[in-house]
Amino acid sequence: MPQQRRSRRTRERILDAAAQVFADCGYASGTTDRIAAEARLSVGSLYQYFPNKDAILFVLVQRHMDHAAQVVRQVLAEPRPLEEWLPALTRAVVRLHAENPGLHQVLFEQAPRPPELVLGFHEAEAEAAAAVAALLRADPALKVAEPARTARYVVAIIESLTHRFISHSPELDPEELAGEICSIVTGYLR
């Protein structure tokens, strides 16, 4: 991680450029040459900050996961009824992924996943499931026999449907998608 402000700005330019290149060109065609050109740097300068495109992609995935985990934590922080937390959670997850669907597709479908990223995915999912389980237990209107298991299903349904439709159905309105997912999960829980 660069210490000087100018170096941090250059690193951020590279990451922003990489996000754009990967979104436009995909993983295979998102070369360091293209990233450097988009960042208005020489390839040699890019290599002073990152050894290859996978290292850049790793930082982009990590940032996405950290941001998503923070948003989910905020949405699920306080106990409230299903009718409040579920739409808020679903909308938040869909919006996170709808911000840049091309990049999202590269991050989660095309790029290699080193073991530490896979572990990060599992940890974020487990944290979200634990928060959902706590909400399920706290809601007297719901009679969920196994909140921990049910919460894992809820998180998986929201995440997998979001990934599936944001990446592969760009014509779908994100708010409509969030509403449909919310209806599916509500039906499952009721």
N, C-alpha and C. Protein backbone atom coordinates (compact mmCIF):
# COMPACT_ATOMS: atom_id res chain seq x y z
N MET A 1 0.84 -1.18 0.00
CA MET A 1 0.00 0.00 0.00
C MET A 1 0.88 1.24 0.00
N PRO A 2 0.76 2.11 -1.00
CA PRO A 2 1.59 3.30 -1.07
C PRO A 2 1.35 4.24 0.11
N GLN A 3 2.40 4.92 0.55
CA GLN A 3 2.31 5.84 1.68
C GLN A 3 2.09 7.29 1.24
N GLN A 4 2.67 7.67 0.12
CA GLN A 4 2.55 9.05 -0.33
C GLN A 4 1.20 9.28 -1.02
N ARG A 5 0.68 10.48 -0.84
CA ARG A 5 -0.63 10.81 -1.41
C ARG A 5 -0.66 10.62 -2.93
N ARG A 6 0.39 11.06 -3.61
CA ARG A 6 0.44 10.93 -5.07
C ARG A 6 0.42 9.46 -5.47
N SER A 7 1.14 8.63 -4.75
CA SER A 7 1.16 7.20 -5.05
C SER A 7 -0.19 6.56 -4.78
N ARG A 8 -0.85 6.99 -3.71
CA ARG A 8 -2.20 6.45 -3.42
C ARG A 8 -3.18 6.85 -4.52
N ARG A 9 -3.06 8.09 -5.01
CA ARG A 9 -3.94 8.53 -6.11
C ARG A 9 -3.67 7.72 -7.38
N THR A 10 -2.40 7.45 -7.65
CA THR A 10 -2.06 6.65 -8.83
C THR A 10 -2.63 5.25 -8.69
N ARG A 11 -2.50 4.67 -7.53
CA ARG A 11 -3.05 3.33 -7.28
C ARG A 11 -4.57 3.33 -7.50
N GLU A 12 -5.23 4.36 -7.01
CA GLU A 12 -6.68 4.48 -7.19
C GLU A 12 -7.03 4.64 -8.66
N ARG A 13 -6.24 5.40 -9.41
CA ARG A 13 -6.47 5.54 -10.85
C ARG A 13 -6.37 4.20 -11.55
N ILE A 14 -5.39 3.41 -11.14
CA ILE A 14 -5.24 2.07 -11.74
C ILE A 14 -6.46 1.21 -11.42
N LEU A 15 -6.91 1.24 -10.18
CA LEU A 15 -8.07 0.43 -9.80
C LEU A 15 -9.33 0.90 -10.51
N ASP A 16 -9.53 2.20 -10.62
CA ASP A 16 -10.70 2.73 -11.34
C ASP A 16 -10.64 2.33 -12.82
N ALA A 17 -9.45 2.46 -13.39
CA ALA A 17 -9.28 2.10 -14.80
C ALA A 17 -9.52 0.61 -15.00
N ALA A 18 -9.01 -0.20 -14.10
CA ALA A 18 -9.21 -1.65 -14.21
C ALA A 18 -10.69 -2.00 -14.11
N ALA A 19 -11.40 -1.37 -13.20
CA ALA A 19 -12.83 -1.64 -13.08
C ALA A 19 -13.54 -1.34 -14.39
N GLN A 20 -13.18 -0.23 -15.02
CA GLN A 20 -13.79 0.14 -16.30
C GLN A 20 -13.42 -0.85 -17.40
N VAL A 21 -12.14 -1.19 -17.49
CA VAL A 21 -11.68 -2.12 -18.53
C VAL A 21 -12.32 -3.50 -18.35
N PHE A 22 -12.33 -4.01 -17.13
CA PHE A 22 -12.94 -5.32 -16.90
C PHE A 22 -14.43 -5.30 -17.21
N ALA A 23 -15.11 -4.22 -16.85
CA ALA A 23 -16.55 -4.11 -17.14
C ALA A 23 -16.80 -4.07 -18.64
N ASP A 24 -15.95 -3.37 -19.38
CA ASP A 24 -16.14 -3.22 -20.82
C ASP A 24 -15.65 -4.43 -21.62
N CYS A 25 -14.55 -5.03 -21.20
CA CYS A 25 -13.87 -6.04 -22.03
C CYS A 25 -13.96 -7.47 -21.47
N GLY A 26 -14.29 -7.61 -20.20
CA GLY A 26 -14.27 -8.94 -19.59
C GLY A 26 -12.89 -9.27 -19.04
N TYR A 27 -12.81 -10.40 -18.39
CA TYR A 27 -11.56 -10.80 -17.74
C TYR A 27 -10.46 -11.11 -18.76
N ALA A 28 -10.77 -11.94 -19.74
CA ALA A 28 -9.75 -12.40 -20.69
C ALA A 28 -9.14 -11.24 -21.47
N SER A 29 -9.96 -10.30 -21.89
CA SER A 29 -9.47 -9.18 -22.69
C SER A 29 -9.05 -7.98 -21.86
N GLY A 30 -9.26 -8.03 -20.57
CA GLY A 30 -8.87 -6.93 -19.69
C GLY A 30 -7.40 -7.02 -19.35
N THR A 31 -6.56 -6.63 -20.27
CA THR A 31 -5.12 -6.78 -20.11
C THR A 31 -4.52 -5.61 -19.33
N THR A 32 -3.31 -5.82 -18.83
CA THR A 32 -2.62 -4.73 -18.14
C THR A 32 -2.32 -3.59 -19.11
N ASP A 33 -2.10 -3.89 -20.39
CA ASP A 33 -1.90 -2.82 -21.37
C ASP A 33 -3.13 -1.93 -21.46
N ARG A 34 -4.29 -2.55 -21.52
CA ARG A 34 -5.55 -1.77 -21.60
C ARG A 34 -5.78 -0.98 -20.30
N ILE A 35 -5.49 -1.62 -19.18
CA ILE A 35 -5.69 -0.94 -17.90
C ILE A 35 -4.76 0.27 -17.81
N ALA A 36 -3.50 0.08 -18.18
CA ALA A 36 -2.54 1.19 -18.14
C ALA A 36 -2.98 2.32 -19.07
N ALA A 37 -3.45 1.99 -20.26
CA ALA A 37 -3.90 3.01 -21.20
C ALA A 37 -5.10 3.77 -20.62
N GLU A 38 -6.05 3.05 -20.04
CA GLU A 38 -7.23 3.69 -19.43
C GLU A 38 -6.82 4.60 -18.27
N ALA A 39 -5.79 4.20 -17.53
CA ALA A 39 -5.31 5.00 -16.39
C ALA A 39 -4.35 6.10 -16.83
N ARG A 40 -4.04 6.15 -18.13
CA ARG A 40 -3.09 7.12 -18.68
C ARG A 40 -1.71 7.00 -18.01
N LEU A 41 -1.26 5.73 -17.95
CA LEU A 41 0.05 5.41 -17.39
C LEU A 41 0.77 4.47 -18.33
N SER A 42 2.07 4.36 -18.16
CA SER A 42 2.80 3.32 -18.89
C SER A 42 2.57 1.99 -18.18
N VAL A 43 2.74 0.92 -18.91
CA VAL A 43 2.60 -0.41 -18.31
C VAL A 43 3.64 -0.60 -17.21
N GLY A 44 4.83 -0.06 -17.44
CA GLY A 44 5.88 -0.15 -16.42
C GLY A 44 5.46 0.52 -15.12
N SER A 45 4.78 1.65 -15.22
CA SER A 45 4.29 2.33 -14.01
C SER A 45 3.23 1.48 -13.31
N LEU A 46 2.35 0.89 -14.09
CA LEU A 46 1.32 0.02 -13.51
C LEU A 46 1.98 -1.12 -12.72
N TYR A 47 3.03 -1.71 -13.29
CA TYR A 47 3.70 -2.84 -12.64
C TYR A 47 4.43 -2.43 -11.36
N GLN A 48 4.65 -1.15 -11.15
CA GLN A 48 5.22 -0.71 -9.88
C GLN A 48 4.21 -0.85 -8.74
N TYR A 49 2.94 -0.90 -9.11
CA TYR A 49 1.88 -0.98 -8.10
C TYR A 49 1.26 -2.38 -8.01
N PHE A 50 1.17 -3.07 -9.12
CA PHE A 50 0.55 -4.40 -9.17
C PHE A 50 1.37 -5.30 -10.08
N PRO A 51 1.62 -6.55 -9.67
CA PRO A 51 2.43 -7.45 -10.49
C PRO A 51 1.71 -7.98 -11.73
N ASN A 52 0.37 -7.99 -11.70
CA ASN A 52 -0.40 -8.53 -12.83
C ASN A 52 -1.87 -8.15 -12.66
N LYS A 53 -2.67 -8.50 -13.65
CA LYS A 53 -4.09 -8.12 -13.59
C LYS A 53 -4.83 -8.88 -12.50
N ASP A 54 -4.39 -10.08 -12.15
CA ASP A 54 -5.05 -10.82 -11.08
C ASP A 54 -4.89 -10.12 -9.73
N ALA A 55 -3.75 -9.49 -9.52
CA ALA A 55 -3.54 -8.75 -8.27
C ALA A 55 -4.48 -7.54 -8.21
N ILE A 56 -4.68 -6.90 -9.34
CA ILE A 56 -5.63 -5.78 -9.40
C ILE A 56 -7.03 -6.28 -9.14
N LEU A 57 -7.38 -7.36 -9.79
CA LEU A 57 -8.71 -7.93 -9.63
C LEU A 57 -8.97 -8.37 -8.20
N PHE A 58 -7.95 -8.92 -7.55
CA PHE A 58 -8.08 -9.33 -6.16
C PHE A 58 -8.48 -8.15 -5.29
N VAL A 59 -7.83 -7.00 -5.50
CA VAL A 59 -8.16 -5.81 -4.71
C VAL A 59 -9.59 -5.36 -5.02
N LEU A 60 -10.00 -5.40 -6.27
CA LEU A 60 -11.36 -5.00 -6.63
C LEU A 60 -12.40 -5.92 -5.98
N VAL A 61 -12.14 -7.22 -5.98
CA VAL A 61 -13.08 -8.17 -5.35
C VAL A 61 -13.11 -7.93 -3.85
N GLN A 62 -11.97 -7.76 -3.24
CA GLN A 62 -11.90 -7.53 -1.80
C GLN A 62 -12.67 -6.27 -1.42
N ARG A 63 -12.49 -5.22 -2.20
CA ARG A 63 -13.23 -3.97 -1.94
C ARG A 63 -14.74 -4.18 -2.05
N HIS A 64 -15.14 -4.90 -3.09
CA HIS A 64 -16.57 -5.16 -3.26
C HIS A 64 -17.11 -5.94 -2.08
N MET A 65 -16.39 -6.98 -1.68
CA MET A 65 -16.85 -7.80 -0.54
C MET A 65 -16.91 -6.99 0.74
N ASP A 66 -15.90 -6.16 1.00
CA ASP A 66 -15.89 -5.35 2.21
C ASP A 66 -17.05 -4.36 2.22
N HIS A 67 -17.27 -3.72 1.08
CA HIS A 67 -18.37 -2.75 0.99
C HIS A 67 -19.72 -3.45 1.17
N ALA A 68 -19.89 -4.58 0.50
CA ALA A 68 -21.15 -5.33 0.62
C ALA A 68 -21.38 -5.77 2.05
N ALA A 69 -20.36 -6.27 2.71
CA ALA A 69 -20.50 -6.72 4.10
C ALA A 69 -20.89 -5.55 5.01
N GLN A 70 -20.31 -4.39 4.77
CA GLN A 70 -20.64 -3.21 5.57
C GLN A 70 -22.10 -2.80 5.36
N VAL A 71 -22.55 -2.79 4.13
CA VAL A 71 -23.94 -2.42 3.83
C VAL A 71 -24.90 -3.42 4.47
N VAL A 72 -24.62 -4.71 4.33
CA VAL A 72 -25.49 -5.74 4.90
C VAL A 72 -25.53 -5.62 6.43
N ARG A 73 -24.37 -5.38 7.04
CA ARG A 73 -24.32 -5.19 8.51
C ARG A 73 -25.24 -4.05 8.94
N GLN A 74 -25.17 -2.94 8.21
CA GLN A 74 -25.99 -1.79 8.56
C GLN A 74 -27.48 -2.10 8.42
N VAL A 75 -27.83 -2.78 7.35
CA VAL A 75 -29.25 -3.09 7.09
C VAL A 75 -29.80 -4.04 8.14
N LEU A 76 -28.98 -4.98 8.59
CA LEU A 76 -29.46 -6.02 9.51
C LEU A 76 -29.14 -5.72 10.98
N ALA A 77 -28.66 -4.53 11.28
CA ALA A 77 -28.17 -4.22 12.62
C ALA A 77 -29.26 -4.19 13.69
N GLU A 78 -30.42 -3.70 13.37
CA GLU A 78 -31.44 -3.54 14.42
C GLU A 78 -32.60 -4.51 14.22
N PRO A 79 -33.10 -5.06 15.32
CA PRO A 79 -34.26 -5.95 15.22
C PRO A 79 -35.49 -5.19 14.74
N ARG A 80 -36.17 -5.77 13.79
CA ARG A 80 -37.41 -5.20 13.27
C ARG A 80 -38.16 -6.30 12.54
N PRO A 81 -39.40 -6.09 12.20
CA PRO A 81 -40.20 -7.14 11.56
C PRO A 81 -39.71 -7.48 10.15
N LEU A 82 -40.05 -8.67 9.72
CA LEU A 82 -39.70 -9.16 8.39
C LEU A 82 -40.06 -8.17 7.29
N GLU A 83 -41.22 -7.56 7.40
CA GLU A 83 -41.72 -6.63 6.39
C GLU A 83 -40.82 -5.41 6.24
N GLU A 84 -39.95 -5.17 7.21
CA GLU A 84 -39.03 -4.03 7.12
C GLU A 84 -37.62 -4.47 6.72
N TRP A 85 -37.07 -5.47 7.41
CA TRP A 85 -35.67 -5.82 7.12
C TRP A 85 -35.49 -6.56 5.81
N LEU A 86 -36.44 -7.40 5.42
CA LEU A 86 -36.26 -8.17 4.19
C LEU A 86 -36.24 -7.27 2.94
N PRO A 87 -37.19 -6.36 2.76
CA PRO A 87 -37.10 -5.47 1.59
C PRO A 87 -35.84 -4.60 1.62
N ALA A 88 -35.46 -4.14 2.81
CA ALA A 88 -34.25 -3.32 2.91
C ALA A 88 -33.01 -4.12 2.52
N LEU A 89 -32.91 -5.34 3.00
CA LEU A 89 -31.78 -6.20 2.66
C LEU A 89 -31.75 -6.52 1.17
N THR A 90 -32.88 -6.90 0.64
CA THR A 90 -32.95 -7.29 -0.77
C THR A 90 -32.61 -6.12 -1.68
N ARG A 91 -33.20 -4.97 -1.40
CA ARG A 91 -32.88 -3.78 -2.21
C ARG A 91 -31.40 -3.43 -2.12
N ALA A 92 -30.83 -3.51 -0.93
CA ALA A 92 -29.41 -3.17 -0.75
C ALA A 92 -28.52 -4.11 -1.55
N VAL A 93 -28.79 -5.40 -1.50
CA VAL A 93 -27.97 -6.37 -2.22
C VAL A 93 -28.11 -6.17 -3.73
N VAL A 94 -29.33 -5.99 -4.20
CA VAL A 94 -29.54 -5.78 -5.64
C VAL A 94 -28.85 -4.50 -6.09
N ARG A 95 -28.99 -3.42 -5.34
CA ARG A 95 -28.36 -2.15 -5.72
C ARG A 95 -26.84 -2.27 -5.78
N LEU A 96 -26.27 -2.96 -4.80
CA LEU A 96 -24.81 -3.16 -4.79
C LEU A 96 -24.33 -3.81 -6.08
N HIS A 97 -25.08 -4.78 -6.55
CA HIS A 97 -24.67 -5.53 -7.73
C HIS A 97 -25.08 -4.86 -9.03
N ALA A 98 -26.08 -3.99 -8.96
CA ALA A 98 -26.55 -3.29 -10.17
C ALA A 98 -25.69 -2.07 -10.49
N GLU A 99 -24.85 -1.64 -9.56
CA GLU A 99 -24.02 -0.46 -9.79
C GLU A 99 -23.12 -0.62 -11.02
N ASN A 100 -22.57 -1.80 -11.20
CA ASN A 100 -21.68 -2.05 -12.34
C ASN A 100 -21.79 -3.53 -12.71
N PRO A 101 -22.87 -3.92 -13.41
CA PRO A 101 -23.09 -5.34 -13.69
C PRO A 101 -21.98 -6.00 -14.50
N GLY A 102 -21.35 -5.26 -15.41
CA GLY A 102 -20.26 -5.84 -16.20
C GLY A 102 -19.08 -6.21 -15.33
N LEU A 103 -18.71 -5.33 -14.43
CA LEU A 103 -17.62 -5.62 -13.51
C LEU A 103 -18.01 -6.75 -12.57
N HIS A 104 -19.22 -6.71 -12.10
CA HIS A 104 -19.70 -7.76 -11.19
C HIS A 104 -19.60 -9.13 -11.84
N GLN A 105 -19.96 -9.22 -13.10
CA GLN A 105 -19.87 -10.49 -13.81
C GLN A 105 -18.42 -10.98 -13.88
N VAL A 106 -17.50 -10.07 -14.13
CA VAL A 106 -16.08 -10.45 -14.16
C VAL A 106 -15.64 -10.92 -12.78
N LEU A 107 -15.99 -10.15 -11.76
CA LEU A 107 -15.54 -10.48 -10.40
C LEU A 107 -16.02 -11.84 -9.92
N PHE A 108 -17.24 -12.20 -10.27
CA PHE A 108 -17.83 -13.39 -9.68
C PHE A 108 -18.04 -14.56 -10.63
N GLU A 109 -17.81 -14.35 -11.91
CA GLU A 109 -18.02 -15.45 -12.84
C GLU A 109 -16.82 -15.78 -13.70
N GLN A 110 -15.96 -14.80 -13.96
CA GLN A 110 -14.89 -15.02 -14.93
C GLN A 110 -13.51 -15.11 -14.29
N ALA A 111 -13.29 -14.38 -13.25
CA ALA A 111 -11.95 -14.29 -12.68
C ALA A 111 -11.62 -15.50 -11.81
N PRO A 112 -10.33 -15.83 -11.73
CA PRO A 112 -9.92 -16.90 -10.82
C PRO A 112 -10.17 -16.49 -9.37
N ARG A 113 -10.43 -17.47 -8.54
CA ARG A 113 -10.70 -17.21 -7.13
C ARG A 113 -9.66 -17.89 -6.27
N PRO A 114 -8.72 -17.14 -5.77
CA PRO A 114 -7.75 -17.75 -4.87
C PRO A 114 -8.43 -18.17 -3.56
N PRO A 115 -7.85 -19.12 -2.84
CA PRO A 115 -8.48 -19.64 -1.62
C PRO A 115 -8.84 -18.56 -0.60
N GLU A 116 -8.02 -17.52 -0.47
CA GLU A 116 -8.34 -16.49 0.52
C GLU A 116 -9.59 -15.69 0.13
N LEU A 117 -9.87 -15.56 -1.17
CA LEU A 117 -11.12 -14.90 -1.57
C LEU A 117 -12.32 -15.79 -1.32
N VAL A 118 -12.18 -17.07 -1.62
CA VAL A 118 -13.27 -18.01 -1.35
C VAL A 118 -13.59 -18.00 0.14
N LEU A 119 -12.56 -18.00 0.97
CA LEU A 119 -12.77 -17.93 2.41
C LEU A 119 -13.50 -16.64 2.79
N GLY A 120 -13.12 -15.54 2.16
CA GLY A 120 -13.79 -14.27 2.42
C GLY A 120 -15.26 -14.30 2.04
N PHE A 121 -15.58 -14.93 0.91
CA PHE A 121 -16.99 -15.08 0.50
C PHE A 121 -17.76 -15.86 1.57
N HIS A 122 -17.18 -16.95 2.02
CA HIS A 122 -17.86 -17.80 3.00
C HIS A 122 -18.04 -17.07 4.34
N GLU A 123 -17.04 -16.31 4.74
CA GLU A 123 -17.15 -15.55 5.99
C GLU A 123 -18.23 -14.48 5.91
N ALA A 124 -18.28 -13.76 4.80
CA ALA A 124 -19.30 -12.72 4.62
C ALA A 124 -20.69 -13.33 4.60
N GLU A 125 -20.82 -14.45 3.91
CA GLU A 125 -22.11 -15.14 3.86
C GLU A 125 -22.53 -15.64 5.24
N ALA A 126 -21.59 -16.19 5.99
CA ALA A 126 -21.89 -16.69 7.34
C ALA A 126 -22.30 -15.55 8.26
N GLU A 127 -21.63 -14.40 8.14
CA GLU A 127 -21.98 -13.24 8.97
C GLU A 127 -23.40 -12.76 8.65
N ALA A 128 -23.73 -12.69 7.37
CA ALA A 128 -25.08 -12.26 6.97
C ALA A 128 -26.11 -13.26 7.46
N ALA A 129 -25.82 -14.56 7.33
CA ALA A 129 -26.76 -15.58 7.78
C ALA A 129 -26.97 -15.52 9.29
N ALA A 130 -25.93 -15.25 10.05
CA ALA A 130 -26.06 -15.14 11.51
C ALA A 130 -26.96 -13.96 11.87
N ALA A 131 -26.81 -12.85 11.16
CA ALA A 131 -27.65 -11.68 11.43
C ALA A 131 -29.11 -11.96 11.06
N VAL A 132 -29.33 -12.63 9.93
CA VAL A 132 -30.70 -12.99 9.53
C VAL A 132 -31.29 -13.96 10.54
N ALA A 133 -30.52 -14.93 11.00
CA ALA A 133 -31.02 -15.89 12.00
C ALA A 133 -31.46 -15.17 13.27
N ALA A 134 -30.69 -14.18 13.69
CA ALA A 134 -31.06 -13.41 14.88
C ALA A 134 -32.39 -12.68 14.66
N LEU A 135 -32.58 -12.13 13.48
CA LEU A 135 -33.84 -11.46 13.17
C LEU A 135 -35.01 -12.44 13.13
N LEU A 136 -34.77 -13.62 12.58
CA LEU A 136 -35.82 -14.64 12.53
C LEU A 136 -36.23 -15.07 13.95
N ARG A 137 -35.24 -15.24 14.81
CA ARG A 137 -35.52 -15.64 16.20
C ARG A 137 -36.29 -14.54 16.95
N ALA A 138 -35.98 -13.29 16.64
CA ALA A 138 -36.56 -12.16 17.36
C ALA A 138 -37.97 -11.80 16.91
N ASP A 139 -38.41 -12.36 15.79
CA ASP A 139 -39.73 -12.00 15.24
C ASP A 139 -40.78 -13.00 15.73
N PRO A 140 -41.64 -12.58 16.65
CA PRO A 140 -42.65 -13.51 17.19
C PRO A 140 -43.69 -13.94 16.16
N ALA A 141 -43.84 -13.18 15.10
CA ALA A 141 -44.83 -13.53 14.07
C ALA A 141 -44.35 -14.69 13.21
N LEU A 142 -43.05 -14.95 13.20
CA LEU A 142 -42.50 -16.04 12.40
C LEU A 142 -42.30 -17.26 13.28
N LYS A 143 -42.66 -18.38 12.78
CA LYS A 143 -42.47 -19.64 13.50
C LYS A 143 -41.47 -20.48 12.71
N VAL A 144 -40.21 -20.08 12.80
CA VAL A 144 -39.15 -20.77 12.05
C VAL A 144 -38.52 -21.81 12.96
N ALA A 145 -38.61 -23.07 12.55
CA ALA A 145 -38.13 -24.18 13.38
C ALA A 145 -36.61 -24.17 13.53
N GLU A 146 -35.90 -23.91 12.46
CA GLU A 146 -34.44 -23.91 12.49
C GLU A 146 -33.92 -22.59 11.91
N PRO A 147 -33.87 -21.54 12.72
CA PRO A 147 -33.49 -20.22 12.20
C PRO A 147 -32.12 -20.17 11.52
N ALA A 148 -31.13 -20.87 12.05
CA ALA A 148 -29.79 -20.81 11.46
C ALA A 148 -29.79 -21.40 10.05
N ARG A 149 -30.42 -22.54 9.88
CA ARG A 149 -30.47 -23.17 8.55
C ARG A 149 -31.33 -22.34 7.61
N THR A 150 -32.48 -21.89 8.08
CA THR A 150 -33.37 -21.08 7.26
C THR A 150 -32.68 -19.79 6.83
N ALA A 151 -31.93 -19.19 7.73
CA ALA A 151 -31.20 -17.95 7.40
C ALA A 151 -30.19 -18.19 6.29
N ARG A 152 -29.51 -19.33 6.32
CA ARG A 152 -28.56 -19.64 5.25
C ARG A 152 -29.28 -19.73 3.91
N TYR A 153 -30.48 -20.34 3.91
CA TYR A 153 -31.25 -20.41 2.67
C TYR A 153 -31.68 -19.03 2.20
N VAL A 154 -32.12 -18.19 3.13
CA VAL A 154 -32.56 -16.84 2.78
C VAL A 154 -31.42 -16.06 2.13
N VAL A 155 -30.24 -16.09 2.75
CA VAL A 155 -29.09 -15.38 2.21
C VAL A 155 -28.72 -15.95 0.84
N ALA A 156 -28.73 -17.25 0.71
CA ALA A 156 -28.38 -17.88 -0.58
C ALA A 156 -29.39 -17.53 -1.67
N ILE A 157 -30.65 -17.50 -1.33
CA ILE A 157 -31.68 -17.15 -2.33
C ILE A 157 -31.46 -15.72 -2.82
N ILE A 158 -31.29 -14.79 -1.89
CA ILE A 158 -31.10 -13.39 -2.27
C ILE A 158 -29.84 -13.23 -3.11
N GLU A 159 -28.75 -13.81 -2.63
CA GLU A 159 -27.47 -13.65 -3.32
C GLU A 159 -27.49 -14.31 -4.70
N SER A 160 -27.96 -15.54 -4.77
CA SER A 160 -27.89 -16.25 -6.06
C SER A 160 -28.83 -15.66 -7.10
N LEU A 161 -30.03 -15.27 -6.71
CA LEU A 161 -30.94 -14.66 -7.68
C LEU A 161 -30.44 -13.29 -8.13
N THR A 162 -29.86 -12.56 -7.21
CA THR A 162 -29.28 -11.26 -7.58
C THR A 162 -28.17 -11.45 -8.59
N HIS A 163 -27.24 -12.35 -8.29
CA HIS A 163 -26.13 -12.60 -9.22
C HIS A 163 -26.65 -13.05 -10.58
N ARG A 164 -27.57 -13.96 -10.57
CA ARG A 164 -28.09 -14.53 -11.81
C ARG A 164 -28.73 -13.47 -12.70
N PHE A 165 -29.60 -12.65 -12.12
CA PHE A 165 -30.38 -11.74 -12.95
C PHE A 165 -29.70 -10.41 -13.21
N ILE A 166 -28.88 -9.91 -12.31
CA ILE A 166 -28.18 -8.65 -12.57
C ILE A 166 -27.18 -8.85 -13.71
N SER A 167 -26.44 -9.95 -13.67
CA SER A 167 -25.42 -10.19 -14.69
C SER A 167 -26.00 -10.59 -16.04
N HIS A 168 -27.11 -11.30 -16.04
CA HIS A 168 -27.58 -11.92 -17.28
C HIS A 168 -28.90 -11.35 -17.82
N SER A 169 -29.49 -10.42 -17.11
CA SER A 169 -30.74 -9.80 -17.58
C SER A 169 -30.67 -8.29 -17.36
N PRO A 170 -29.81 -7.61 -18.11
CA PRO A 170 -29.62 -6.17 -17.88
C PRO A 170 -30.88 -5.34 -18.11
N GLU A 171 -31.83 -5.90 -18.84
CA GLU A 171 -33.07 -5.16 -19.09
C GLU A 171 -33.99 -5.14 -17.88
N LEU A 172 -33.73 -5.99 -16.92
CA LEU A 172 -34.57 -6.09 -15.73
C LEU A 172 -34.32 -4.91 -14.79
N ASP A 173 -35.38 -4.25 -14.38
CA ASP A 173 -35.28 -3.13 -13.45
C ASP A 173 -34.85 -3.65 -12.08
N PRO A 174 -33.79 -3.07 -11.49
CA PRO A 174 -33.31 -3.55 -10.19
C PRO A 174 -34.37 -3.51 -9.09
N GLU A 175 -35.21 -2.49 -9.08
CA GLU A 175 -36.26 -2.42 -8.06
C GLU A 175 -37.28 -3.54 -8.25
N GLU A 176 -37.59 -3.85 -9.51
CA GLU A 176 -38.51 -4.95 -9.79
C GLU A 176 -37.89 -6.27 -9.35
N LEU A 177 -36.62 -6.46 -9.65
CA LEU A 177 -35.93 -7.67 -9.22
C LEU A 177 -35.94 -7.80 -7.70
N ALA A 178 -35.63 -6.71 -7.00
CA ALA A 178 -35.64 -6.75 -5.54
C ALA A 178 -37.02 -7.12 -5.02
N GLY A 179 -38.07 -6.58 -5.63
CA GLY A 179 -39.43 -6.92 -5.22
C GLY A 179 -39.76 -8.38 -5.44
N GLU A 180 -39.35 -8.92 -6.57
CA GLU A 180 -39.60 -10.34 -6.86
C GLU A 180 -38.87 -11.25 -5.88
N ILE A 181 -37.60 -10.94 -5.64
CA ILE A 181 -36.83 -11.76 -4.68
C ILE A 181 -37.46 -11.67 -3.30
N CYS A 182 -37.86 -10.49 -2.91
CA CYS A 182 -38.49 -10.31 -1.60
C CYS A 182 -39.78 -11.14 -1.50
N SER A 183 -40.57 -11.15 -2.56
CA SER A 183 -41.81 -11.96 -2.57
C SER A 183 -41.49 -13.46 -2.44
N ILE A 184 -40.47 -13.90 -3.12
CA ILE A 184 -40.08 -15.32 -3.05
C ILE A 184 -39.65 -15.69 -1.64
N VAL A 185 -38.81 -14.86 -1.04
CA VAL A 185 -38.32 -15.15 0.31
C VAL A 185 -39.45 -15.05 1.33
N THR A 186 -40.32 -14.06 1.18
CA THR A 186 -41.45 -13.92 2.09
C THR A 186 -42.34 -15.16 2.01
N GLY A 187 -42.61 -15.63 0.80
CA GLY A 187 -43.39 -16.85 0.64
C GLY A 187 -42.73 -18.04 1.30
N TYR A 188 -41.45 -18.15 1.15
CA TYR A 188 -40.69 -19.24 1.78
C TYR A 188 -40.81 -19.17 3.31
N LEU A 189 -40.65 -17.99 3.85
CA LEU A 189 -40.66 -17.83 5.32
C LEU A 189 -42.06 -17.97 5.93
N ARG A 190 -43.06 -17.63 5.19
CA ARG A 190 -44.42 -17.71 5.72
C ARG A 190 -44.95 -19.13 5.57
